[in-house]
C-alpha atoms as a PDB file:
ATOM      1  CA  MET A   1     -10.867  11.950   1.876  1.00  0.00           C
ATOM      2  CA  HIS A   2     -10.687  15.722   1.776  1.00  0.00           C
ATOM      3  CA  GLY A   3     -12.590  18.311   3.845  1.00  0.00           C
ATOM      4  CA  GLY A   4     -11.538  17.026   7.246  1.00  0.00           C
ATOM      5  CA  ALA A   5     -15.031  15.715   8.437  1.00  0.00           C
ATOM      6  CA  LYS A   6     -14.542  13.204  11.215  1.00  0.00           C
ATOM      7  CA  PRO A   7     -16.567   9.890  10.616  1.00  0.00           C
ATOM      8  CA  ARG A   8     -19.552   8.908  12.715  1.00  0.00           C
ATOM      9  CA  ILE A   9     -18.928   5.544  14.324  1.00  0.00           C
ATOM     10  CA  GLU A  10     -22.288   3.626  14.735  1.00  0.00           C
ATOM     11  CA  ARG A  11     -22.913   0.329  16.406  1.00  0.00           C
ATOM     12  CA  VAL A  12     -25.849  -1.397  14.568  1.00  0.00           C
ATOM     13  CA  PRO A  13     -27.436  -4.710  15.778  1.00  0.00           C
ATOM     14  CA  ALA A  14     -27.848  -7.765  13.554  1.00  0.00           C
ATOM     15  CA  GLY A  15     -30.891  -7.525  11.330  1.00  0.00           C
ATOM     16  CA  ALA A  16     -31.009  -3.748  11.267  1.00  0.00           C
ATOM     17  CA  THR A  17     -31.642  -1.792   7.942  1.00  0.00           C
ATOM     18  CA  VAL A  18     -28.786   0.820   7.781  1.00  0.00           C
ATOM     19  CA  VAL A  19     -30.094   2.358   4.420  1.00  0.00           C
ATOM     20  CA  ARG A  20     -33.359   1.466   2.437  1.00  0.00           C
ATOM     21  CA  GLN A  21     -33.558   1.233  -1.342  1.00  0.00           C
ATOM     22  CA  GLY A  22     -35.260   4.481  -2.789  1.00  0.00           C
ATOM     23  CA  ASP A  23     -34.519   6.562   0.181  1.00  0.00           C
ATOM     24  CA  ARG A  24     -32.494   9.757  -0.168  1.00  0.00           C
ATOM     25  CA  GLY A  25     -28.877   9.862   1.338  1.00  0.00           C
ATOM     26  CA  THR A  26     -25.176  10.297   0.774  1.00  0.00           C
ATOM     27  CA  ASP A  27     -23.446   8.874   3.584  1.00  0.00           C
ATOM     28  CA  VAL A  28     -20.719   6.214   2.646  1.00  0.00           C
ATOM     29  CA  TYR A  29     -20.031   3.438   5.230  1.00  0.00           C
ATOM     30  CA  LEU A  30     -16.985   1.670   6.062  1.00  0.00           C
ATOM     31  CA  VAL A  31     -17.607  -1.753   7.770  1.00  0.00           C
ATOM     32  CA  LEU A  32     -15.303  -1.750  10.609  1.00  0.00           C
ATOM     33  CA  ASP A  33     -16.702  -5.047  12.303  1.00  0.00           C
ATOM     34  CA  GLY A  34     -19.438  -7.510  11.385  1.00  0.00           C
ATOM     35  CA  VAL A  35     -21.133  -8.594   8.074  1.00  0.00           C
ATOM     36  CA  ILE A  36     -23.528  -6.446   6.006  1.00  0.00           C
ATOM     37  CA  ARG A  37     -25.794  -7.602   3.154  1.00  0.00           C
ATOM     38  CA  VAL A  38     -26.662  -5.561  -0.011  1.00  0.00           C
ATOM     39  CA  GLU A  39     -30.153  -6.287  -1.397  1.00  0.00           C
ATOM     40  CA  ARG A  40     -32.122  -4.622  -4.257  1.00  0.00           C
ATOM     41  CA  ASP A  41     -35.839  -5.266  -4.866  1.00  0.00           C
ATOM     42  CA  GLY A  42     -35.575  -8.003  -2.052  1.00  0.00           C
ATOM     43  CA  GLU A  43     -32.833  -9.987  -3.858  1.00  0.00           C
ATOM     44  CA  ARG A  44     -29.624 -10.500  -1.946  1.00  0.00           C
ATOM     45  CA  LEU A  45     -26.706  -9.288  -4.040  1.00  0.00           C
ATOM     46  CA  ALA A  46     -23.653  -9.595  -1.815  1.00  0.00           C
ATOM     47  CA  GLU A  47     -22.320  -9.720   1.559  1.00  0.00           C
ATOM     48  CA  TYR A  48     -19.364  -7.689   3.028  1.00  0.00           C
ATOM     49  CA  GLY A  49     -17.252  -7.514   6.018  1.00  0.00           C
ATOM     50  CA  PRO A  50     -14.534  -5.493   7.630  1.00  0.00           C
ATOM     51  CA  GLY A  51     -12.884  -3.155   5.106  1.00  0.00           C
ATOM     52  CA  ALA A  52     -15.754  -2.785   2.760  1.00  0.00           C
ATOM     53  CA  LEU A  53     -16.799   0.711   1.652  1.00  0.00           C
ATOM     54  CA  LEU A  54     -20.511   0.906   0.713  1.00  0.00           C
ATOM     55  CA  GLY A  55     -23.382   3.474  -0.185  1.00  0.00           C
ATOM     56  CA  GLU A  56     -21.427   5.592  -2.766  1.00  0.00           C
ATOM     57  CA  ARG A  57     -23.723   5.024  -5.470  1.00  0.00           C
ATOM     58  CA  ALA A  58     -26.305   7.275  -4.074  1.00  0.00           C
ATOM     59  CA  HIS A  59     -23.981  10.265  -4.035  1.00  0.00           C
ATOM     60  CA  LEU A  60     -23.039   9.318  -7.711  1.00  0.00           C
ATOM     61  CA  GLU A  61     -26.376   8.946  -9.001  1.00  0.00           C
ATOM     62  CA  GLY A  62     -28.516  11.698  -7.648  1.00  0.00           C
ATOM     63  CA  GLY A  63     -28.741  11.181  -3.863  1.00  0.00           C
ATOM     64  CA  VAL A  64     -31.189   8.124  -4.146  1.00  0.00           C
ATOM     65  CA  ARG A  65     -30.145   4.781  -2.490  1.00  0.00           C
ATOM     66  CA  THR A  66     -29.929   2.163  -5.230  1.00  0.00           C
ATOM     67  CA  SER A  67     -30.240  -0.689  -2.739  1.00  0.00           C
ATOM     68  CA  SER A  68     -30.557  -1.635   0.955  1.00  0.00           C
ATOM     69  CA  LEU A  69     -27.917  -2.282   3.475  1.00  0.00           C
ATOM     70  CA  ILE A  70     -28.925  -4.919   6.084  1.00  0.00           C
ATOM     71  CA  THR A  71     -26.754  -6.130   8.822  1.00  0.00           C
ATOM     72  CA  VAL A  72     -26.227  -9.908   8.968  1.00  0.00           C
ATOM     73  CA  THR A  73     -24.310  -9.639  12.278  1.00  0.00           C
ATOM     74  CA  ALA A  74     -23.928  -6.900  14.655  1.00  0.00           C
ATOM     75  CA  CYS A  75     -21.770  -4.220  12.898  1.00  0.00           C
ATOM     76  CA  ARG A  76     -19.725  -1.301  13.660  1.00  0.00           C
ATOM     77  CA  LEU A  77     -19.736   1.185  10.834  1.00  0.00           C
ATOM     78  CA  ALA A  78     -17.980   4.541  10.173  1.00  0.00           C
ATOM     79  CA  ALA A  79     -20.224   6.803   8.249  1.00  0.00           C
ATOM     80  CA  VAL A  80     -19.322  10.103   6.422  1.00  0.00           C
ATOM     81  CA  ASP A  81     -20.819  12.230   3.635  1.00  0.00           C
ATOM     82  CA  ALA A  82     -19.689  11.049   0.257  1.00  0.00           C
ATOM     83  CA  SER A  83     -18.559  14.711  -0.633  1.00  0.00           C
ATOM     84  CA  GLN A  84     -15.715  14.186   1.635  1.00  0.00           C
ATOM     85  CA  PHE A  85     -14.276  11.629  -0.846  1.00  0.00           C
ATOM     86  CA  ASP A  86     -12.628  12.250  -4.311  1.00  0.00           C
ATOM     87  CA  ARG A  87     -15.440  11.696  -7.065  1.00  0.00           C
ATOM     88  CA  LEU A  88     -13.023   9.587  -9.328  1.00  0.00           C
ATOM     89  CA  ALA A  89     -12.242   7.224  -6.364  1.00  0.00           C
ATOM     90  CA  LEU A  90     -15.937   6.762  -5.695  1.00  0.00           C
ATOM     91  CA  GLU A  91     -16.653   6.074  -9.379  1.00  0.00           C
ATOM     92  CA  GLU A  92     -14.100   3.396  -9.437  1.00  0.00           C
ATOM     93  CA  LEU A  93     -15.501   1.888  -6.377  1.00  0.00           C
ATOM     94  CA  ALA A  94     -19.045   2.058  -7.790  1.00  0.00           C
ATOM     95  CA  GLY A  95     -17.754   0.360 -10.810  1.00  0.00           C
ATOM     96  CA  GLY A  96     -16.669  -2.601  -8.881  1.00  0.00           C
ATOM     97  CA  HIS A  97     -20.146  -2.862  -7.180  1.00  0.00           C
ATOM     98  CA  ARG A  98     -21.936  -2.971 -10.470  1.00  0.00           C
ATOM     99  CA  ARG A  99     -20.468  -6.361 -11.122  1.00  0.00           C
ATOM    100  CA  GLU A 100     -22.870  -7.650  -8.377  1.00  0.00           C
ATOM    101  CA  ASP A 101     -25.704  -6.278 -10.326  1.00  0.00           C
ATOM    102  CA  ALA A 102     -25.012  -8.927 -12.934  1.00  0.00           C
ATOM    103  CA  GLY A 103     -25.505 -11.745 -10.409  1.00  0.00           C
ATOM    104  CA  GLY A 104     -21.778 -12.447 -10.056  1.00  0.00           C
ATOM    105  CA  VAL A 105     -21.974 -13.036  -6.323  1.00  0.00           C
END
């Protein structure tokens, strides 16, 4: 990270939509506790737990969310604007997430 922005810590109950596919946004989320699901067009692509970094693709692809993030369990998330991250690092992360697009989960 660069720029020195302090992450916002959010507590999110189970079943909550953190971001919705098609919405605008550039926050990146680090899962601190809990499990979060990635869905696109209503299809479950993956579930992630603590240590997962999600939400980078909106920043890289024009500011529109390419999928929804929905909490499976109560979660604690750290959120920060993607502009605080090195773009190359976000592109590498996004490349790994694209593997889920092919149904590899």
